[in-house]
């Protein structure tokens, strides 16, 4: 398991990029998969930084049963992104509700996500099925 503890500040994103690069290499992700994973992780981190009110966050990554898992834990206000409605992308941009695109990208670029609140922390886990070598 790989772990990264961060202050909840946008300046920490550079550490997140190195974390994603490391876990992508370890998992043998293609360049496209690694880019998608980077977007997923950066969107989740940006949401924590911008909206959670948290002071600390922790990222963990591990491989299990043919999947790469990444979890995000923070001490912010309770928020379950799995319950957030899908944005209506058919509406003109000026009629759309603000927010929710980051969660939309996380959903679309991962193979699943789960949320739980435990010990005063939000814990979001996303996963991607690893491609089998050809």
C-alpha atoms as a PDB file:
ATOM      1  CA  UNK A   1       0.000   0.000   0.000  1.00  0.00           C
ATOM      2  CA  UNK A   2       1.205   3.466  -0.873  1.00  0.00           C
ATOM      3  CA  UNK A   3       0.202   6.363   1.357  1.00  0.00           C
ATOM      4  CA  UNK A   4       0.461  10.164   1.127  1.00  0.00           C
ATOM      5  CA  UNK A   5      -0.543  12.618   3.862  1.00  0.00           C
ATOM      6  CA  UNK A   6      -1.177  16.228   2.856  1.00  0.00           C
ATOM      7  CA  UNK A   7      -2.239  19.575   4.180  1.00  0.00           C
ATOM      8  CA  UNK A   8      -5.469  20.685   2.553  1.00  0.00           C
ATOM      9  CA  UNK A   9      -3.915  23.290   0.235  1.00  0.00           C
ATOM     10  CA  UNK A  10      -3.777  23.564  -3.564  1.00  0.00           C
ATOM     11  CA  UNK A  11       0.007  23.882  -3.318  1.00  0.00           C
ATOM     12  CA  UNK A  12       0.102  20.207  -2.368  1.00  0.00           C
ATOM     13  CA  UNK A  13      -1.104  19.176  -5.838  1.00  0.00           C
ATOM     14  CA  UNK A  14       2.505  18.792  -7.010  1.00  0.00           C
ATOM     15  CA  UNK A  15       2.884  15.982  -4.444  1.00  0.00           C
ATOM     16  CA  UNK A  16      -0.329  14.420  -5.728  1.00  0.00           C
ATOM     17  CA  UNK A  17       1.053  14.315  -9.274  1.00  0.00           C
ATOM     18  CA  UNK A  18       4.168  12.460  -8.086  1.00  0.00           C
ATOM     19  CA  UNK A  19       1.952  10.062  -6.097  1.00  0.00           C
ATOM     20  CA  UNK A  20      -0.191   9.306  -9.174  1.00  0.00           C
ATOM     21  CA  UNK A  21       2.869   8.823 -11.369  1.00  0.00           C
ATOM     22  CA  UNK A  22       4.305   6.346  -8.876  1.00  0.00           C
ATOM     23  CA  UNK A  23       1.136   4.281  -8.485  1.00  0.00           C
ATOM     24  CA  UNK A  24       0.492   4.365 -12.252  1.00  0.00           C
ATOM     25  CA  UNK A  25       3.976   2.989 -12.921  1.00  0.00           C
ATOM     26  CA  UNK A  26       3.607   0.342 -10.199  1.00  0.00           C
ATOM     27  CA  UNK A  27       0.277  -0.791 -11.679  1.00  0.00           C
ATOM     28  CA  UNK A  28       1.603  -0.800 -15.260  1.00  0.00           C
ATOM     29  CA  UNK A  29      -1.065   1.611 -16.496  1.00  0.00           C
ATOM     30  CA  UNK A  30      -1.026   2.780 -20.090  1.00  0.00           C
ATOM     31  CA  UNK A  31      -0.373   6.467 -20.675  1.00  0.00           C
ATOM     32  CA  UNK A  32      -4.091   7.079 -21.245  1.00  0.00           C
ATOM     33  CA  UNK A  33      -5.087   5.196 -18.085  1.00  0.00           C
ATOM     34  CA  UNK A  34      -2.480   7.126 -16.093  1.00  0.00           C
ATOM     35  CA  UNK A  35      -3.821  10.443 -17.426  1.00  0.00           C
ATOM     36  CA  UNK A  36      -7.379   9.447 -16.491  1.00  0.00           C
ATOM     37  CA  UNK A  37      -6.236   8.412 -13.027  1.00  0.00           C
ATOM     38  CA  UNK A  38      -4.423  11.719 -12.591  1.00  0.00           C
ATOM     39  CA  UNK A  39      -7.598  13.609 -13.489  1.00  0.00           C
ATOM     40  CA  UNK A  40      -9.676  11.513 -11.063  1.00  0.00           C
ATOM     41  CA  UNK A  41      -7.226  12.052  -8.215  1.00  0.00           C
ATOM     42  CA  UNK A  42      -6.754  15.765  -8.897  1.00  0.00           C
ATOM     43  CA  UNK A  43     -10.537  16.336  -9.081  1.00  0.00           C
ATOM     44  CA  UNK A  44     -11.081  14.537  -5.770  1.00  0.00           C
ATOM     45  CA  UNK A  45      -8.248  16.485  -4.110  1.00  0.00           C
ATOM     46  CA  UNK A  46      -9.513  19.797  -5.527  1.00  0.00           C
ATOM     47  CA  UNK A  47     -12.990  19.078  -4.147  1.00  0.00           C
ATOM     48  CA  UNK A  48     -11.523  18.376  -0.715  1.00  0.00           C
ATOM     49  CA  UNK A  49      -9.410  21.549  -0.816  1.00  0.00           C
ATOM     50  CA  UNK A  50     -12.202  23.803  -2.108  1.00  0.00           C
ATOM     51  CA  UNK A  51     -15.287  22.524  -0.315  1.00  0.00           C
ATOM     52  CA  UNK A  52     -14.614  20.227   2.650  1.00  0.00           C
ATOM     53  CA  UNK A  53     -13.311  22.596   5.315  1.00  0.00           C
ATOM     54  CA  UNK A  54     -10.780  19.864   6.121  1.00  0.00           C
ATOM     55  CA  UNK A  55      -7.314  20.507   7.514  1.00  0.00           C
ATOM     56  CA  UNK A  56      -5.713  17.150   6.671  1.00  0.00           C
ATOM     57  CA  UNK A  57      -6.173  14.568   3.953  1.00  0.00           C
ATOM     58  CA  UNK A  58      -4.670  11.201   3.286  1.00  0.00           C
ATOM     59  CA  UNK A  59      -4.429   9.295   0.018  1.00  0.00           C
ATOM     60  CA  UNK A  60      -3.845   5.564  -0.108  1.00  0.00           C
ATOM     61  CA  UNK A  61      -3.402   3.305  -3.118  1.00  0.00           C
ATOM     62  CA  UNK A  62      -3.286  -0.452  -3.418  1.00  0.00           C
ATOM     63  CA  UNK A  63      -3.862  -3.239  -5.921  1.00  0.00           C
ATOM     64  CA  UNK A  64      -6.234  -6.068  -5.175  1.00  0.00           C
ATOM     65  CA  UNK A  65      -8.187  -8.584  -7.268  1.00  0.00           C
ATOM     66  CA  UNK A  66      -7.143  -7.027 -10.581  1.00  0.00           C
ATOM     67  CA  UNK A  67      -8.047  -3.468  -9.568  1.00  0.00           C
ATOM     68  CA  UNK A  68      -6.139  -0.366  -8.547  1.00  0.00           C
ATOM     69  CA  UNK A  69      -7.822   1.361  -5.602  1.00  0.00           C
ATOM     70  CA  UNK A  70      -7.244   4.924  -4.422  1.00  0.00           C
ATOM     71  CA  UNK A  71      -8.860   6.211  -1.250  1.00  0.00           C
ATOM     72  CA  UNK A  72      -9.148   9.799  -0.068  1.00  0.00           C
ATOM     73  CA  UNK A  73      -9.722  10.478   3.626  1.00  0.00           C
ATOM     74  CA  UNK A  74     -10.293  13.946   5.073  1.00  0.00           C
ATOM     75  CA  UNK A  75     -11.460  15.476   8.341  1.00  0.00           C
ATOM     76  CA  UNK A  76     -13.918  17.845   6.672  1.00  0.00           C
ATOM     77  CA  UNK A  77     -17.672  18.196   6.818  1.00  0.00           C
ATOM     78  CA  UNK A  78     -19.624  15.049   5.908  1.00  0.00           C
ATOM     79  CA  UNK A  79     -20.203  14.782   2.160  1.00  0.00           C
ATOM     80  CA  UNK A  80     -21.102  11.676   0.177  1.00  0.00           C
ATOM     81  CA  UNK A  81     -20.302  12.274  -3.503  1.00  0.00           C
ATOM     82  CA  UNK A  82     -21.952   8.985  -4.483  1.00  0.00           C
ATOM     83  CA  UNK A  83     -25.302  10.609  -3.591  1.00  0.00           C
ATOM     84  CA  UNK A  84     -24.640  13.736  -5.668  1.00  0.00           C
ATOM     85  CA  UNK A  85     -26.939  13.809  -8.725  1.00  0.00           C
ATOM     86  CA  UNK A  86     -25.539  13.549 -12.225  1.00  0.00           C
ATOM     87  CA  UNK A  87     -25.330  16.946 -13.940  1.00  0.00           C
ATOM     88  CA  UNK A  88     -27.733  17.505 -16.833  1.00  0.00           C
ATOM     89  CA  UNK A  89     -25.274  18.032 -19.659  1.00  0.00           C
ATOM     90  CA  UNK A  90     -28.099  18.493 -22.159  1.00  0.00           C
ATOM     91  CA  UNK A  91     -28.974  21.912 -20.717  1.00  0.00           C
ATOM     92  CA  UNK A  92     -27.322  25.030 -22.093  1.00  0.00           C
ATOM     93  CA  UNK A  93     -24.395  25.988 -19.886  1.00  0.00           C
ATOM     94  CA  UNK A  94     -26.139  29.114 -18.565  1.00  0.00           C
ATOM     95  CA  UNK A  95     -29.036  26.960 -17.262  1.00  0.00           C
ATOM     96  CA  UNK A  96     -26.932  24.291 -15.531  1.00  0.00           C
ATOM     97  CA  UNK A  97     -26.546  24.090 -11.783  1.00  0.00           C
ATOM     98  CA  UNK A  98     -23.040  25.171 -10.779  1.00  0.00           C
ATOM     99  CA  UNK A  99     -20.830  22.391  -9.485  1.00  0.00           C
ATOM    100  CA  UNK A 100     -20.772  18.643  -9.805  1.00  0.00           C
ATOM    101  CA  UNK A 101     -18.599  18.285 -12.908  1.00  0.00           C
ATOM    102  CA  UNK A 102     -15.626  17.044 -10.870  1.00  0.00           C
ATOM    103  CA  UNK A 103     -17.740  14.253  -9.385  1.00  0.00           C
ATOM    104  CA  UNK A 104     -19.086  13.524 -12.874  1.00  0.00           C
ATOM    105  CA  UNK A 105     -15.516  13.107 -14.204  1.00  0.00           C
ATOM    106  CA  UNK A 106     -14.580  10.879 -11.277  1.00  0.00           C
ATOM    107  CA  UNK A 107     -17.574   8.633 -12.012  1.00  0.00           C
ATOM    108  CA  UNK A 108     -16.888   8.465 -15.743  1.00  0.00           C
ATOM    109  CA  UNK A 109     -13.136   7.879 -15.535  1.00  0.00           C
ATOM    110  CA  UNK A 110     -13.160   5.237 -12.821  1.00  0.00           C
ATOM    111  CA  UNK A 111     -14.834   1.851 -12.684  1.00  0.00           C
ATOM    112  CA  UNK A 112     -16.496   2.543  -9.369  1.00  0.00           C
ATOM    113  CA  UNK A 113     -16.560   4.614  -6.225  1.00  0.00           C
ATOM    114  CA  UNK A 114     -17.725   4.094  -2.666  1.00  0.00           C
ATOM    115  CA  UNK A 115     -18.092   6.427   0.307  1.00  0.00           C
ATOM    116  CA  UNK A 116     -18.210   5.975   4.037  1.00  0.00           C
ATOM    117  CA  UNK A 117     -17.982   8.257   7.069  1.00  0.00           C
ATOM    118  CA  UNK A 118     -15.767   6.755   9.747  1.00  0.00           C
ATOM    119  CA  UNK A 119     -14.200   8.243  12.882  1.00  0.00           C
ATOM    120  CA  UNK A 120     -15.139  11.789  11.853  1.00  0.00           C
ATOM    121  CA  UNK A 121     -13.591  11.401   8.399  1.00  0.00           C
ATOM    122  CA  UNK A 122     -14.923  11.234   4.864  1.00  0.00           C
ATOM    123  CA  UNK A 123     -13.450   8.253   3.050  1.00  0.00           C
ATOM    124  CA  UNK A 124     -13.969   8.053  -0.700  1.00  0.00           C
ATOM    125  CA  UNK A 125     -12.557   5.061  -2.557  1.00  0.00           C
ATOM    126  CA  UNK A 126     -12.347   4.885  -6.342  1.00  0.00           C
ATOM    127  CA  UNK A 127     -11.074   2.008  -8.399  1.00  0.00           C
ATOM    128  CA  UNK A 128      -9.982   1.128 -11.878  1.00  0.00           C
ATOM    129  CA  UNK A 129      -9.873  -2.385 -13.314  1.00  0.00           C
ATOM    130  CA  UNK A 130      -6.347  -3.140 -14.498  1.00  0.00           C
ATOM    131  CA  UNK A 131      -5.932  -4.271 -18.079  1.00  0.00           C
ATOM    132  CA  UNK A 132      -4.544  -7.770 -18.431  1.00  0.00           C
ATOM    133  CA  UNK A 133      -1.270  -8.021 -20.347  1.00  0.00           C
ATOM    134  CA  UNK A 134      -1.762  -9.192 -23.929  1.00  0.00           C
END
